[in-house]
PDB file of all heavy atoms in Angstrom:
ATOM      1  N   SER A   1      14.276   2.694   4.561  1.00  0.00           N
ATOM      2  CA  SER A   1      15.693   2.483   4.835  1.00  0.00           C
ATOM      3  C   SER A   1      15.981   2.774   6.292  1.00  0.00           C
ATOM      4  O   SER A   1      15.144   3.329   7.025  1.00  0.00           O
ATOM      5  CB  SER A   1      16.572   3.375   3.938  1.00  0.00           C
ATOM      6  OG  SER A   1      16.289   4.744   4.166  1.00  0.00           O
ATOM      7  N   ARG A   2      17.163   2.391   6.717  1.00  0.00           N
ATOM      8  CA  ARG A   2      17.612   2.586   8.090  1.00  0.00           C
ATOM      9  C   ARG A   2      17.535   4.055   8.464  1.00  0.00           C
ATOM     10  O   ARG A   2      17.970   4.923   7.708  1.00  0.00           O
ATOM     11  CB  ARG A   2      19.050   2.077   8.243  1.00  0.00           C
ATOM     12  CG  ARG A   2      19.591   2.111   9.660  1.00  0.00           C
ATOM     13  CD  ARG A   2      21.031   1.600   9.678  1.00  0.00           C
ATOM     14  NE  ARG A   2      21.570   1.629  11.017  1.00  0.00           N
ATOM     15  CZ  ARG A   2      21.477   0.652  11.893  1.00  0.00           C
ATOM     16  NH1 ARG A   2      20.864  -0.461  11.540  1.00  0.00           N
ATOM     17  NH2 ARG A   2      22.001   0.737  13.097  1.00  0.00           N
ATOM     18  N   GLY A   3      16.962   4.343   9.637  1.00  0.00           N
ATOM     19  CA  GLY A   3      16.835   5.711  10.095  1.00  0.00           C
ATOM     20  C   GLY A   3      15.442   6.287   9.944  1.00  0.00           C
ATOM     21  O   GLY A   3      15.110   7.288  10.586  1.00  0.00           O
ATOM     22  N   ASP A   4      14.596   5.663   9.092  1.00  0.00           N
ATOM     23  CA  ASP A   4      13.200   6.071   9.011  1.00  0.00           C
ATOM     24  C   ASP A   4      12.484   5.735  10.324  1.00  0.00           C
ATOM     25  O   ASP A   4      12.908   4.836  11.057  1.00  0.00           O
ATOM     26  CB  ASP A   4      12.489   5.356   7.860  1.00  0.00           C
ATOM     27  CG  ASP A   4      12.946   5.834   6.495  1.00  0.00           C
ATOM     28  OD1 ASP A   4      13.558   6.917   6.423  1.00  0.00           O
ATOM     29  OD2 ASP A   4      12.689   5.121   5.511  1.00  0.00           O
ATOM     30  N   VAL A   5      11.373   6.435  10.582  1.00  0.00           N
ATOM     31  CA  VAL A   5      10.553   6.147  11.766  1.00  0.00           C
ATOM     32  C   VAL A   5       9.130   5.870  11.300  1.00  0.00           C
ATOM     33  O   VAL A   5       8.511   6.703  10.617  1.00  0.00           O
ATOM     34  CB  VAL A   5      10.549   7.318  12.769  1.00  0.00           C
ATOM     35  CG1 VAL A   5       9.635   6.997  13.963  1.00  0.00           C
ATOM     36  CG2 VAL A   5      11.964   7.606  13.259  1.00  0.00           C
ATOM     37  N   VAL A   6       8.618   4.686  11.631  1.00  0.00           N
ATOM     38  CA  VAL A   6       7.248   4.314  11.287  1.00  0.00           C
ATOM     39  C   VAL A   6       6.318   4.887  12.345  1.00  0.00           C
ATOM     40  O   VAL A   6       6.397   4.525  13.529  1.00  0.00           O
ATOM     41  CB  VAL A   6       7.096   2.783  11.194  1.00  0.00           C
ATOM     42  CG1 VAL A   6       5.652   2.415  10.876  1.00  0.00           C
ATOM     43  CG2 VAL A   6       8.033   2.222  10.127  1.00  0.00           C
ATOM     44  N   LEU A   7       5.411   5.799  11.907  1.00  0.00           N
ATOM     45  CA  LEU A   7       4.508   6.472  12.845  1.00  0.00           C
ATOM     46  C   LEU A   7       3.137   5.806  12.916  1.00  0.00           C
ATOM     47  O   LEU A   7       2.497   5.834  13.975  1.00  0.00           O
ATOM     48  CB  LEU A   7       4.336   7.942  12.436  1.00  0.00           C
ATOM     49  CG  LEU A   7       5.603   8.795  12.399  1.00  0.00           C
ATOM     50  CD1 LEU A   7       5.266  10.197  11.915  1.00  0.00           C
ATOM     51  CD2 LEU A   7       6.257   8.845  13.770  1.00  0.00           C
ATOM     52  N   ALA A   8       2.672   5.239  11.800  1.00  0.00           N
ATOM     53  CA  ALA A   8       1.326   4.646  11.790  1.00  0.00           C
ATOM     54  C   ALA A   8       1.252   3.604  10.692  1.00  0.00           C
ATOM     55  O   ALA A   8       2.004   3.645   9.711  1.00  0.00           O
ATOM     56  CB  ALA A   8       0.266   5.727  11.573  1.00  0.00           C
ATOM     57  N   ILE A   9       0.332   2.655  10.856  1.00  0.00           N
ATOM     58  CA  ILE A   9       0.046   1.651   9.850  1.00  0.00           C
ATOM     59  C   ILE A   9      -1.464   1.624   9.635  1.00  0.00           C
ATOM     60  O   ILE A   9      -2.235   1.441  10.579  1.00  0.00           O
ATOM     61  CB  ILE A   9       0.582   0.258  10.255  1.00  0.00           C
ATOM     62  CG1 ILE A   9       0.245  -0.788   9.190  1.00  0.00           C
ATOM     63  CG2 ILE A   9       0.088  -0.160  11.628  1.00  0.00           C
ATOM     64  CD1 ILE A   9       0.920  -2.136   9.414  1.00  0.00           C
ATOM     65  N   ASN A  10      -1.868   1.889   8.406  1.00  0.00           N
ATOM     66  CA  ASN A  10      -3.289   1.963   8.055  1.00  0.00           C
ATOM     67  C   ASN A  10      -4.055   2.883   8.990  1.00  0.00           C
ATOM     68  O   ASN A  10      -5.175   2.582   9.416  1.00  0.00           O
ATOM     69  CB  ASN A  10      -3.915   0.575   8.044  1.00  0.00           C
ATOM     70  CG  ASN A  10      -3.474  -0.252   6.853  1.00  0.00           C
ATOM     71  OD1 ASN A  10      -2.761   0.246   5.981  1.00  0.00           O
ATOM     72  ND2 ASN A  10      -3.881  -1.511   6.813  1.00  0.00           N
ATOM     73  N   GLY A  11      -3.453   4.000   9.306  1.00  0.00           N
ATOM     74  CA  GLY A  11      -4.100   5.009  10.132  1.00  0.00           C
ATOM     75  C   GLY A  11      -4.020   4.784  11.623  1.00  0.00           C
ATOM     76  O   GLY A  11      -4.446   5.647  12.404  1.00  0.00           O
ATOM     77  N   GLN A  12      -3.488   3.657  12.058  1.00  0.00           N
ATOM     78  CA  GLN A  12      -3.371   3.370  13.489  1.00  0.00           C
ATOM     79  C   GLN A  12      -1.982   3.781  13.984  1.00  0.00           C
ATOM     80  O   GLN A  12      -0.974   3.309  13.442  1.00  0.00           O
ATOM     81  CB  GLN A  12      -3.600   1.887  13.762  1.00  0.00           C
ATOM     82  CG  GLN A  12      -4.976   1.392  13.367  1.00  0.00           C
ATOM     83  CD  GLN A  12      -5.193  -0.052  13.785  1.00  0.00           C
ATOM     84  OE1 GLN A  12      -4.666  -0.499  14.798  1.00  0.00           O
ATOM     85  NE2 GLN A  12      -5.980  -0.782  13.013  1.00  0.00           N
ATOM     86  N   PRO A  13      -1.906   4.656  14.967  1.00  0.00           N
ATOM     87  CA  PRO A  13      -0.591   5.061  15.496  1.00  0.00           C
ATOM     88  C   PRO A  13       0.207   3.849  15.960  1.00  0.00           C
ATOM     89  O   PRO A  13      -0.337   2.924  16.558  1.00  0.00           O
ATOM     90  CB  PRO A  13      -0.948   5.983  16.676  1.00  0.00           C
ATOM     91  CG  PRO A  13      -2.320   6.469  16.362  1.00  0.00           C
ATOM     92  CD  PRO A  13      -3.004   5.332  15.665  1.00  0.00           C
ATOM     93  N   VAL A  14       1.503   3.861  15.668  1.00  0.00           N
ATOM     94  CA  VAL A  14       2.392   2.754  16.008  1.00  0.00           C
ATOM     95  C   VAL A  14       3.280   3.165  17.166  1.00  0.00           C
ATOM     96  O   VAL A  14       4.095   4.074  17.039  1.00  0.00           O
ATOM     97  CB  VAL A  14       3.258   2.346  14.796  1.00  0.00           C
ATOM     98  CG1 VAL A  14       4.317   1.342  15.216  1.00  0.00           C
ATOM     99  CG2 VAL A  14       2.385   1.774  13.696  1.00  0.00           C
ATOM    100  N   ASP A  15       3.085   2.503  18.296  1.00  0.00           N
ATOM    101  CA  ASP A  15       3.966   2.744  19.436  1.00  0.00           C
ATOM    102  C   ASP A  15       4.572   1.450  19.967  1.00  0.00           C
ATOM    103  O   ASP A  15       5.304   1.454  20.950  1.00  0.00           O
ATOM    104  CB  ASP A  15       3.219   3.470  20.566  1.00  0.00           C
ATOM    105  CG  ASP A  15       1.955   2.740  20.995  1.00  0.00           C
ATOM    106  OD1 ASP A  15       1.727   1.619  20.481  1.00  0.00           O
ATOM    107  OD2 ASP A  15       1.214   3.276  21.817  1.00  0.00           O
ATOM    108  N   SER A  16       4.258   0.317  19.308  1.00  0.00           N
ATOM    109  CA  SER A  16       4.818  -0.963  19.716  1.00  0.00           C
ATOM    110  C   SER A  16       4.716  -1.934  18.548  1.00  0.00           C
ATOM    111  O   SER A  16       3.950  -1.720  17.596  1.00  0.00           O
ATOM    112  CB  SER A  16       4.080  -1.539  20.933  1.00  0.00           C
ATOM    113  OG  SER A  16       2.758  -1.901  20.576  1.00  0.00           O
ATOM    114  N   VAL A  17       5.476  -3.019  18.626  1.00  0.00           N
ATOM    115  CA  VAL A  17       5.415  -4.051  17.598  1.00  0.00           C
ATOM    116  C   VAL A  17       4.051  -4.722  17.592  1.00  0.00           C
ATOM    117  O   VAL A  17       3.572  -5.174  16.549  1.00  0.00           O
ATOM    118  CB  VAL A  17       6.536  -5.083  17.826  1.00  0.00           C
ATOM    119  CG1 VAL A  17       6.407  -6.264  16.861  1.00  0.00           C
ATOM    120  CG2 VAL A  17       7.903  -4.433  17.658  1.00  0.00           C
ATOM    121  N   GLU A  18       3.374  -4.771  18.748  1.00  0.00           N
ATOM    122  CA  GLU A  18       2.062  -5.411  18.817  1.00  0.00           C
ATOM    123  C   GLU A  18       1.055  -4.732  17.888  1.00  0.00           C
ATOM    124  O   GLU A  18       0.147  -5.396  17.360  1.00  0.00           O
ATOM    125  CB  GLU A  18       1.544  -5.390  20.253  1.00  0.00           C
ATOM    126  CG  GLU A  18       2.225  -6.380  21.186  1.00  0.00           C
ATOM    127  CD  GLU A  18       3.659  -5.972  21.510  1.00  0.00           C
ATOM    128  OE1 GLU A  18       3.966  -4.762  21.419  1.00  0.00           O
ATOM    129  OE2 GLU A  18       4.461  -6.862  21.844  1.00  0.00           O
ATOM    130  N   THR A  19       1.191  -3.419  17.700  1.00  0.00           N
ATOM    131  CA  THR A  19       0.291  -2.725  16.778  1.00  0.00           C
ATOM    132  C   THR A  19       0.435  -3.271  15.374  1.00  0.00           C
ATOM    133  O   THR A  19      -0.560  -3.519  14.669  1.00  0.00           O
ATOM    134  CB  THR A  19       0.587  -1.216  16.783  1.00  0.00           C
ATOM    135  OG1 THR A  19       0.486  -0.705  18.108  1.00  0.00           O
ATOM    136  CG2 THR A  19      -0.386  -0.467  15.885  1.00  0.00           C
ATOM    137  N   LEU A  20       1.666  -3.484  14.948  1.00  0.00           N
ATOM    138  CA  LEU A  20       1.891  -4.075  13.631  1.00  0.00           C
ATOM    139  C   LEU A  20       1.314  -5.482  13.556  1.00  0.00           C
ATOM    140  O   LEU A  20       0.714  -5.876  12.557  1.00  0.00           O
ATOM    141  CB  LEU A  20       3.392  -4.109  13.328  1.00  0.00           C
ATOM    142  CG  LEU A  20       4.114  -2.777  13.133  1.00  0.00           C
ATOM    143  CD1 LEU A  20       5.601  -3.015  12.949  1.00  0.00           C
ATOM    144  CD2 LEU A  20       3.550  -2.026  11.948  1.00  0.00           C
ATOM    145  N   GLN A  21       1.496  -6.252  14.610  1.00  0.00           N
ATOM    146  CA  GLN A  21       1.004  -7.619  14.620  1.00  0.00           C
ATOM    147  C   GLN A  21      -0.512  -7.659  14.435  1.00  0.00           C
ATOM    148  O   GLN A  21      -1.034  -8.496  13.692  1.00  0.00           O
ATOM    149  CB  GLN A  21       1.384  -8.313  15.917  1.00  0.00           C
ATOM    150  CG  GLN A  21       2.875  -8.621  16.049  1.00  0.00           C
ATOM    151  CD  GLN A  21       3.220  -9.222  17.396  1.00  0.00           C
ATOM    152  OE1 GLN A  21       2.673  -8.810  18.412  1.00  0.00           O
ATOM    153  NE2 GLN A  21       4.116 -10.184  17.380  1.00  0.00           N
ATOM    154  N   ARG A  22      -1.209  -6.764  15.109  1.00  0.00           N
ATOM    155  CA  ARG A  22      -2.675  -6.764  15.023  1.00  0.00           C
ATOM    156  C   ARG A  22      -3.131  -6.455  13.594  1.00  0.00           C
ATOM    157  O   ARG A  22      -4.065  -7.090  13.079  1.00  0.00           O
ATOM    158  CB  ARG A  22      -3.262  -5.758  16.001  1.00  0.00           C
ATOM    159  CG  ARG A  22      -3.167  -6.183  17.464  1.00  0.00           C
ATOM    160  CD  ARG A  22      -4.068  -5.324  18.333  1.00  0.00           C
ATOM    161  NE  ARG A  22      -3.654  -3.919  18.307  1.00  0.00           N
ATOM    162  CZ  ARG A  22      -2.783  -3.390  19.169  1.00  0.00           C
ATOM    163  NH1 ARG A  22      -2.235  -4.158  20.111  1.00  0.00           N
ATOM    164  NH2 ARG A  22      -2.473  -2.118  19.109  1.00  0.00           N
ATOM    165  N   VAL A  23      -2.520  -5.486  12.955  1.00  0.00           N
ATOM    166  CA  VAL A  23      -2.914  -5.121  11.598  1.00  0.00           C
ATOM    167  C   VAL A  23      -2.552  -6.224  10.613  1.00  0.00           C
ATOM    168  O   VAL A  23      -3.360  -6.606   9.749  1.00  0.00           O
ATOM    169  CB  VAL A  23      -2.261  -3.784  11.187  1.00  0.00           C
ATOM    170  CG1 VAL A  23      -2.547  -3.479   9.716  1.00  0.00           C
ATOM    171  CG2 VAL A  23      -2.763  -2.659  12.072  1.00  0.00           C
ATOM    172  N   LEU A  24      -1.356  -6.783  10.746  1.00  0.00           N
ATOM    173  CA  LEU A  24      -0.906  -7.804   9.809  1.00  0.00           C
ATOM    174  C   LEU A  24      -1.626  -9.132  10.009  1.00  0.00           C
ATOM    175  O   LEU A  24      -1.647  -9.968   9.105  1.00  0.00           O
ATOM    176  CB  LEU A  24       0.607  -8.009   9.948  1.00  0.00           C
ATOM    177  CG  LEU A  24       1.476  -6.812   9.542  1.00  0.00           C
ATOM    178  CD1 LEU A  24       2.939  -7.104   9.826  1.00  0.00           C
ATOM    179  CD2 LEU A  24       1.269  -6.470   8.078  1.00  0.00           C
ATOM    180  N   ALA A  25      -2.224  -9.333  11.181  1.00  0.00           N
ATOM    181  CA  ALA A  25      -2.960 -10.577  11.436  1.00  0.00           C
ATOM    182  C   ALA A  25      -4.152 -10.728  10.504  1.00  0.00           C
ATOM    183  O   ALA A  25      -4.622 -11.845  10.259  1.00  0.00           O
ATOM    184  CB  ALA A  25      -3.416 -10.616  12.894  1.00  0.00           C
ATOM    185  N   ALA A  26      -4.667  -9.588   9.980  1.00  0.00           N
ATOM    186  CA  ALA A  26      -5.788  -9.636   9.052  1.00  0.00           C
ATOM    187  C   ALA A  26      -5.363  -9.994   7.633  1.00  0.00           C
ATOM    188  O   ALA A  26      -6.207 -10.025   6.729  1.00  0.00           O
ATOM    189  CB  ALA A  26      -6.512  -8.293   9.037  1.00  0.00           C
ATOM    190  N   GLN A  27      -4.062 -10.269   7.422  1.00  0.00           N
ATOM    191  CA  GLN A  27      -3.527 -10.661   6.124  1.00  0.00           C
ATOM    192  C   GLN A  27      -3.852  -9.650   5.020  1.00  0.00           C
ATOM    193  O   GLN A  27      -4.314 -10.005   3.927  1.00  0.00           O
ATOM    194  CB  GLN A  27      -4.065 -12.036   5.724  1.00  0.00           C
ATOM    195  CG  GLN A  27      -3.756 -13.150   6.703  1.00  0.00           C
ATOM    196  CD  GLN A  27      -2.264 -13.482   6.752  1.00  0.00           C
ATOM    197  OE1 GLN A  27      -1.579 -13.457   5.746  1.00  0.00           O
ATOM    198  NE2 GLN A  27      -1.773 -13.771   7.946  1.00  0.00           N
ATOM    199  N   PRO A  28      -3.603  -8.370   5.243  1.00  0.00           N
ATOM    200  CA  PRO A  28      -3.875  -7.391   4.183  1.00  0.00           C
ATOM    201  C   PRO A  28      -2.897  -7.563   3.025  1.00  0.00           C
ATOM    202  O   PRO A  28      -1.746  -7.949   3.218  1.00  0.00           O
ATOM    203  CB  PRO A  28      -3.668  -6.050   4.888  1.00  0.00           C
ATOM    204  CG  PRO A  28      -2.670  -6.353   5.969  1.00  0.00           C
ATOM    205  CD  PRO A  28      -2.998  -7.747   6.432  1.00  0.00           C
ATOM    206  N   LYS A  29      -3.379  -7.264   1.800  1.00  0.00           N
ATOM    207  CA  LYS A  29      -2.503  -7.352   0.636  1.00  0.00           C
ATOM    208  C   LYS A  29      -1.546  -6.168   0.560  1.00  0.00           C
ATOM    209  O   LYS A  29      -0.474  -6.277  -0.043  1.00  0.00           O
ATOM    210  CB  LYS A  29      -3.337  -7.428  -0.637  1.00  0.00           C
ATOM    211  CG  LYS A  29      -4.151  -8.712  -0.752  1.00  0.00           C
ATOM    212  CD  LYS A  29      -4.893  -8.765  -2.075  1.00  0.00           C
ATOM    213  CE  LYS A  29      -5.670 -10.076  -2.208  1.00  0.00           C
ATOM    214  NZ  LYS A  29      -6.403 -10.146  -3.501  1.00  0.00           N
ATOM    215  N   ARG A  30      -1.942  -5.050   1.149  1.00  0.00           N
ATOM    216  CA  ARG A  30      -1.091  -3.873   1.141  1.00  0.00           C
ATOM    217  C   ARG A  30      -1.424  -3.020   2.348  1.00  0.00           C
ATOM    218  O   ARG A  30      -2.586  -2.940   2.759  1.00  0.00           O
ATOM    219  CB  ARG A  30      -1.292  -3.058  -0.144  1.00  0.00           C
ATOM    220  CG  ARG A  30      -0.272  -1.934  -0.339  1.00  0.00           C
ATOM    221  CD  ARG A  30      -0.466  -1.290  -1.708  1.00  0.00           C
ATOM    222  NE  ARG A  30      -0.215  -2.230  -2.791  1.00  0.00           N
ATOM    223  CZ  ARG A  30       0.995  -2.469  -3.288  1.00  0.00           C
ATOM    224  NH1 ARG A  30       2.054  -1.841  -2.790  1.00  0.00           N
ATOM    225  NH2 ARG A  30       1.144  -3.329  -4.278  1.00  0.00           N
ATOM    226  N   VAL A  31      -0.416  -2.427   2.941  1.00  0.00           N
ATOM    227  CA  VAL A  31      -0.628  -1.526   4.071  1.00  0.00           C
ATOM    228  C   VAL A  31       0.017  -0.191   3.746  1.00  0.00           C
ATOM    229  O   VAL A  31       0.961  -0.098   2.946  1.00  0.00           O
ATOM    230  CB  VAL A  31      -0.029  -2.088   5.383  1.00  0.00           C
ATOM    231  CG1 VAL A  31      -0.739  -3.362   5.789  1.00  0.00           C
ATOM    232  CG2 VAL A  31       1.468  -2.316   5.245  1.00  0.00           C
ATOM    233  N   ALA A  32      -0.514   0.858   4.379  1.00  0.00           N
ATOM    234  CA  ALA A  32       0.040   2.203   4.216  1.00  0.00           C
ATOM    235  C   ALA A  32       0.774   2.578   5.494  1.00  0.00           C
ATOM    236  O   ALA A  32       0.165   2.653   6.569  1.00  0.00           O
ATOM    237  CB  ALA A  32      -1.062   3.207   3.913  1.00  0.00           C
ATOM    238  N   LEU A  33       2.057   2.785   5.373  1.00  0.00           N
ATOM    239  CA  LEU A  33       2.868   3.196   6.514  1.00  0.00           C
ATOM    240  C   LEU A  33       3.084   4.696   6.460  1.00  0.00           C
ATOM    241  O   LEU A  33       3.508   5.226   5.423  1.00  0.00           O
ATOM    242  CB  LEU A  33       4.219   2.476   6.510  1.00  0.00           C
ATOM    243  CG  LEU A  33       4.210   0.951   6.557  1.00  0.00           C
ATOM    244  CD1 LEU A  33       5.640   0.419   6.576  1.00  0.00           C
ATOM    245  CD2 LEU A  33       3.434   0.442   7.763  1.00  0.00           C
ATOM    246  N   LEU A  34       2.780   5.375   7.562  1.00  0.00           N
ATOM    247  CA  LEU A  34       3.130   6.793   7.685  1.00  0.00           C
ATOM    248  C   LEU A  34       4.535   6.853   8.254  1.00  0.00           C
ATOM    249  O   LEU A  34       4.799   6.347   9.338  1.00  0.00           O
ATOM    250  CB  LEU A  34       2.151   7.515   8.608  1.00  0.00           C
ATOM    251  CG  LEU A  34       2.437   9.012   8.819  1.00  0.00           C
ATOM    252  CD1 LEU A  34       2.381   9.780   7.511  1.00  0.00           C
ATOM    253  CD2 LEU A  34       1.459   9.593   9.842  1.00  0.00           C
ATOM    254  N   VAL A  35       5.442   7.459   7.510  1.00  0.00           N
ATOM    255  CA  VAL A  35       6.862   7.426   7.836  1.00  0.00           C
ATOM    256  C   VAL A  35       7.389   8.837   8.052  1.00  0.00           C
ATOM    257  O   VAL A  35       7.076   9.752   7.272  1.00  0.00           O
ATOM    258  CB  VAL A  35       7.656   6.731   6.704  1.00  0.00           C
ATOM    259  CG1 VAL A  35       9.157   6.785   6.971  1.00  0.00           C
ATOM    260  CG2 VAL A  35       7.192   5.283   6.555  1.00  0.00           C
TER     261      VAL A  35
END
């Protein structure tokens, strides 16, 4: 929900939208977000 902060996706620290793009480019069926 609004106000959460996404810290990592599949164990990779998130500091930009490009990080999400790289992980999602592999077409994973499910990702783990550290929030």
